[in-house]
C-alpha atoms as a PDB file:
ATOM      1  CA  MET A   1      10.542 -14.542  -2.445  1.00  0.00           C
ATOM      2  CA  TYR A   2      10.258 -10.802  -2.322  1.00  0.00           C
ATOM      3  CA  ARG A   3       8.337  -9.414   0.589  1.00  0.00           C
ATOM      4  CA  LEU A   4       7.194  -6.032  -0.528  1.00  0.00           C
ATOM      5  CA  PHE A   5       4.262  -4.141  -1.922  1.00  0.00           C
ATOM      6  CA  VAL A   6       4.356  -1.598  -4.679  1.00  0.00           C
ATOM      7  CA  VAL A   7       1.964   1.193  -3.816  1.00  0.00           C
ATOM      8  CA  ALA A   8       1.232   3.421  -6.788  1.00  0.00           C
ATOM      9  CA  ALA A   9      -1.100   6.141  -7.908  1.00  0.00           C
ATOM     10  CA  VAL A  10      -1.298   8.176 -11.061  1.00  0.00           C
ATOM     11  CA  SER A  11      -1.088  11.931 -10.745  1.00  0.00           C
ATOM     12  CA  GLY A  12      -3.724  13.906 -12.537  1.00  0.00           C
ATOM     13  CA  LEU A  13      -6.222  11.068 -12.538  1.00  0.00           C
ATOM     14  CA  LEU A  14      -9.030  13.495 -13.181  1.00  0.00           C
ATOM     15  CA  ALA A  15      -7.059  16.060 -15.153  1.00  0.00           C
ATOM     16  CA  THR A  16      -8.060  16.162 -18.776  1.00  0.00           C
ATOM     17  CA  GLY A  17      -5.442  15.989 -21.461  1.00  0.00           C
ATOM     18  CA  SER A  18      -2.524  15.536 -19.060  1.00  0.00           C
ATOM     19  CA  SER A  19       0.184  12.962 -19.396  1.00  0.00           C
ATOM     20  CA  ALA A  20      -0.273  11.123 -16.122  1.00  0.00           C
ATOM     21  CA  GLN A  21       2.883  10.221 -14.223  1.00  0.00           C
ATOM     22  CA  PRO A  22       2.701   7.419 -11.677  1.00  0.00           C
ATOM     23  CA  ARG A  23       4.077   7.917  -8.190  1.00  0.00           C
ATOM     24  CA  ILE A  24       5.381   4.763  -6.664  1.00  0.00           C
ATOM     25  CA  ARG A  25       6.479   3.758  -3.183  1.00  0.00           C
ATOM     26  CA  VAL A  26       7.824   0.322  -2.352  1.00  0.00           C
ATOM     27  CA  VAL A  27       6.807  -1.002   1.076  1.00  0.00           C
ATOM     28  CA  GLN A  28       8.955  -3.824   2.387  1.00  0.00           C
ATOM     29  CA  TYR A  29       7.806  -6.145   5.130  1.00  0.00           C
ATOM     30  CA  ARG A  30      10.572  -8.738   5.243  1.00  0.00           C
ATOM     31  CA  ASP A  31      11.499  -7.590   8.766  1.00  0.00           C
ATOM     32  CA  ILE A  32       7.946  -7.739  10.134  1.00  0.00           C
ATOM     33  CA  ASP A  33       6.238 -10.712  11.805  1.00  0.00           C
ATOM     34  CA  LEU A  34       2.857 -10.630  10.090  1.00  0.00           C
ATOM     35  CA  VAL A  35       1.462 -13.321  12.369  1.00  0.00           C
ATOM     36  CA  SER A  36       1.511 -10.883  15.285  1.00  0.00           C
ATOM     37  CA  THR A  37      -0.957  -8.052  15.756  1.00  0.00           C
ATOM     38  CA  ALA A  38       1.945  -5.665  16.352  1.00  0.00           C
ATOM     39  CA  GLY A  39       3.503  -6.677  13.042  1.00  0.00           C
ATOM     40  CA  GLN A  40       0.236  -6.151  11.202  1.00  0.00           C
ATOM     41  CA  LYS A  41      -0.104  -2.690  12.747  1.00  0.00           C
ATOM     42  CA  GLN A  42       3.443  -1.861  11.720  1.00  0.00           C
ATOM     43  CA  LEU A  43       2.746  -2.877   8.125  1.00  0.00           C
ATOM     44  CA  THR A  44      -0.497  -0.890   8.119  1.00  0.00           C
ATOM     45  CA  HIS A  45       1.475   2.162   9.277  1.00  0.00           C
ATOM     46  CA  ARG A  46       4.017   1.682   6.490  1.00  0.00           C
ATOM     47  CA  LEU A  47       1.219   1.323   3.946  1.00  0.00           C
ATOM     48  CA  GLN A  48      -0.467   4.489   5.192  1.00  0.00           C
ATOM     49  CA  ARG A  49       2.787   6.429   4.817  1.00  0.00           C
ATOM     50  CA  ALA A  50       3.191   5.088   1.279  1.00  0.00           C
ATOM     51  CA  VAL A  51      -0.385   6.026   0.405  1.00  0.00           C
ATOM     52  CA  ASP A  52       0.225   9.509   1.810  1.00  0.00           C
ATOM     53  CA  TYR A  53       3.214   9.818  -0.506  1.00  0.00           C
ATOM     54  CA  VAL A  54       1.612   8.541  -3.701  1.00  0.00           C
ATOM     55  CA  CYS A  55      -1.630  10.452  -3.204  1.00  0.00           C
ATOM     56  CA  ARG A  56      -0.051  13.777  -2.290  1.00  0.00           C
ATOM     57  CA  MET A  57       0.457  14.921  -5.844  1.00  0.00           C
ATOM     58  CA  PRO A  58      -0.440  18.569  -6.172  1.00  0.00           C
ATOM     59  CA  SER A  59       1.412  20.357  -8.904  1.00  0.00           C
ATOM     60  CA  PRO A  60       0.641  23.324 -11.135  1.00  0.00           C
ATOM     61  CA  ALA A  61      -0.122  20.889 -13.962  1.00  0.00           C
ATOM     62  CA  SER A  62      -2.475  18.648 -11.987  1.00  0.00           C
ATOM     63  CA  PRO A  63      -3.487  19.876  -8.546  1.00  0.00           C
ATOM     64  CA  LEU A  64      -5.602  17.482  -6.531  1.00  0.00           C
ATOM     65  CA  THR A  65      -8.609  18.822  -4.749  1.00  0.00           C
ATOM     66  CA  GLY A  66      -9.509  17.566  -1.292  1.00  0.00           C
ATOM     67  CA  SER A  67     -12.043  15.094  -2.657  1.00  0.00           C
ATOM     68  CA  GLU A  68      -9.635  13.795  -5.311  1.00  0.00           C
ATOM     69  CA  ASP A  69      -7.006  13.312  -2.627  1.00  0.00           C
ATOM     70  CA  GLN A  70      -9.455  11.381  -0.448  1.00  0.00           C
ATOM     71  CA  ASP A  71     -10.602   9.287  -3.410  1.00  0.00           C
ATOM     72  CA  CYS A  72      -7.000   8.460  -4.270  1.00  0.00           C
ATOM     73  CA  ARG A  73      -6.207   7.475  -0.680  1.00  0.00           C
ATOM     74  CA  ALA A  74      -9.313   5.290  -0.398  1.00  0.00           C
ATOM     75  CA  GLU A  75      -8.699   3.499  -3.692  1.00  0.00           C
ATOM     76  CA  VAL A  76      -4.974   2.933  -3.184  1.00  0.00           C
ATOM     77  CA  MET A  77      -5.363   1.855   0.450  1.00  0.00           C
ATOM     78  CA  ALA A  78      -8.136  -0.606  -0.436  1.00  0.00           C
ATOM     79  CA  HIS A  79      -5.861  -2.188  -3.025  1.00  0.00           C
ATOM     80  CA  ALA A  80      -2.925  -2.263  -0.584  1.00  0.00           C
ATOM     81  CA  ARG A  81      -5.080  -3.751   2.200  1.00  0.00           C
ATOM     82  CA  SER A  82      -6.120  -6.635  -0.037  1.00  0.00           C
ATOM     83  CA  LYS A  83      -2.440  -7.383  -0.708  1.00  0.00           C
ATOM     84  CA  MET A  84      -1.690  -7.067   2.993  1.00  0.00           C
ATOM     85  CA  GLN A  85      -4.479  -9.502   3.896  1.00  0.00           C
ATOM     86  CA  ALA A  86      -3.096 -12.041   1.445  1.00  0.00           C
ATOM     87  CA  ALA A  87       0.404 -11.638   2.935  1.00  0.00           C
ATOM     88  CA  VAL A  88      -0.943 -12.064   6.484  1.00  0.00           C
ATOM     89  CA  GLU A  89      -2.861 -15.196   5.510  1.00  0.00           C
ATOM     90  CA  LEU A  90       0.245 -16.644   3.864  1.00  0.00           C
ATOM     91  CA  ALA A  91       2.364 -15.874   6.953  1.00  0.00           C
ATOM     92  CA  GLN A  92      -0.239 -17.516   9.197  1.00  0.00           C
ATOM     93  CA  ALA A  93      -0.389 -20.603   6.985  1.00  0.00           C
ATOM     94  CA  ARG A  94       3.388 -20.897   6.991  1.00  0.00           C
ATOM     95  CA  ALA A  95       3.509 -20.541  10.780  1.00  0.00           C
ATOM     96  CA  ALA A  96       0.832 -23.215  11.179  1.00  0.00           C
ATOM     97  CA  SER A  97       2.656 -25.620   8.857  1.00  0.00           C
ATOM     98  CA  GLU A  98       5.922 -25.073  10.763  1.00  0.00           C
ATOM     99  CA  ILE A  99       4.165 -25.900  14.036  1.00  0.00           C
ATOM    100  CA  ALA A 100       2.520 -28.980  12.503  1.00  0.00           C
ATOM    101  CA  ALA A 101       5.875 -30.204  11.166  1.00  0.00           C
ATOM    102  CA  ARG A 102       7.377 -30.317  14.673  1.00  0.00           C
END
Protein backbone atom coordinates (compact mmCIF):
# COMPACT_ATOMS: atom_id res chain seq x y z
CA MET A 1 0.00 0.00 0.00
CA TYR A 2 1.29 3.40 -0.91
CA ARG A 3 1.53 5.86 1.92
CA LEU A 4 1.45 9.23 0.28
CA PHE A 5 -0.80 12.12 -0.56
CA VAL A 6 -0.91 13.98 -3.82
CA VAL A 7 -1.38 17.65 -3.09
CA ALA A 8 -2.38 19.61 -6.17
CA ALA A 9 -3.69 22.97 -7.22
CA VAL A 10 -4.41 24.48 -10.58
CA SER A 11 -2.63 27.68 -11.49
CA GLY A 12 -4.77 30.46 -12.81
CA LEU A 13 -7.92 29.19 -11.14
CA LEU A 14 -9.52 32.58 -11.51
CA ALA A 15 -7.76 33.64 -14.70
CA THR A 16 -10.09 33.80 -17.64
CA GLY A 17 -9.19 32.09 -20.86
CA SER A 18 -5.96 30.57 -19.54
CA SER A 19 -4.92 26.99 -19.96
CA ALA A 20 -4.60 25.98 -16.33
CA GLN A 21 -1.57 23.89 -15.40
CA PRO A 22 -1.72 21.83 -12.23
CA ARG A 23 1.09 21.99 -9.71
CA ILE A 24 1.57 18.80 -7.83
CA ARG A 25 3.56 17.79 -4.78
CA VAL A 26 3.67 14.25 -3.45
CA VAL A 27 3.80 13.97 0.35
CA GLN A 28 5.00 10.63 1.65
CA TYR A 29 4.33 9.47 5.18
CA ARG A 30 5.61 5.90 5.14
CA ASP A 31 8.33 6.85 7.65
CA ILE A 32 5.97 8.58 10.09
CA ASP A 33 4.14 7.01 13.04
CA LEU A 34 0.68 8.51 12.60
CA VAL A 35 -0.53 7.09 15.90
CA SER A 36 1.73 9.52 17.77
CA THR A 37 1.04 13.22 18.16
CA ALA A 38 4.59 13.97 17.03
CA GLY A 39 4.03 11.97 13.85
CA GLN A 40 0.79 13.79 13.12
CA LYS A 41 2.54 17.14 13.59
CA GLN A 42 5.31 16.04 11.25
CA LEU A 43 2.79 15.08 8.56
CA THR A 44 0.93 18.37 9.03
CA HIS A 45 4.23 20.21 8.51
CA ARG A 46 4.91 18.25 5.32
CA LEU A 47 1.40 19.00 4.07
CA GLN A 48 1.81 22.70 4.80
CA ARG A 49 5.06 22.79 2.81
CA ALA A 50 3.34 21.03 -0.09
CA VAL A 51 0.42 23.46 0.03
CA ASP A 52 2.89 26.36 0.04
CA TYR A 53 4.44 24.93 -3.11
CA VAL A 54 1.26 24.23 -5.06
CA CYS A 55 -0.41 27.50 -4.11
CA ARG A 56 2.58 29.74 -4.81
CA MET A 57 1.91 30.09 -8.50
CA PRO A 58 2.47 33.66 -9.59
CA SER A 59 3.50 34.02 -13.18
CA PRO A 60 3.08 36.72 -15.81
CA ALA A 61 0.29 34.64 -17.36
CA SER A 62 -1.66 34.05 -14.15
CA PRO A 63 -0.52 35.99 -11.10
CA LEU A 64 -2.31 35.15 -7.88
CA THR A 65 -3.46 37.96 -5.69
CA GLY A 66 -3.19 37.69 -1.92
CA SER A 67 -6.81 36.60 -1.57
CA GLU A 68 -6.51 34.01 -4.36
CA ASP A 69 -3.41 32.64 -2.68
CA GLN A 70 -5.22 32.38 0.66
CA ASP A 71 -8.25 30.77 -0.99
CA CYS A 72 -6.01 28.23 -2.70
CA ARG A 73 -4.21 27.39 0.54
CA ALA A 74 -7.47 27.01 2.47
CA GLU A 75 -9.09 24.79 -0.14
CA VAL A 76 -6.07 22.57 -0.75
CA MET A 77 -5.24 22.23 2.95
CA ALA A 78 -8.85 21.32 3.81
CA HIS A 79 -8.73 18.56 1.21
CA ALA A 80 -5.32 17.36 2.45
CA ARG A 81 -6.46 17.41 6.10
CA SER A 82 -9.40 15.15 5.30
CA LYS A 83 -6.99 12.66 3.71
CA MET A 84 -4.67 12.99 6.68
CA GLN A 85 -7.50 12.31 9.14
CA ALA A 86 -8.43 9.16 7.24
CA ALA A 87 -4.78 8.00 7.30
CA VAL A 88 -4.52 8.68 11.05
CA GLU A 89 -7.73 6.76 11.74
CA LEU A 90 -6.48 3.83 9.68
CA ALA A 91 -3.12 3.83 11.51
CA GLN A 92 -4.92 3.90 14.87
CA ALA A 93 -7.21 1.04 13.86
CA ARG A 94 -4.25 -1.03 12.71
CA ALA A 95 -2.38 -0.35 15.96
CA ALA A 96 -5.43 -1.35 17.99
CA SER A 97 -5.89 -4.58 16.03
CA GLU A 98 -2.20 -5.45 16.50
CA ILE A 99 -2.55 -4.96 20.25
CA ALA A 100 -5.75 -7.02 20.34
CA ALA A 101 -4.08 -9.85 18.40
CA ARG A 102 -1.40 -10.27 21.08
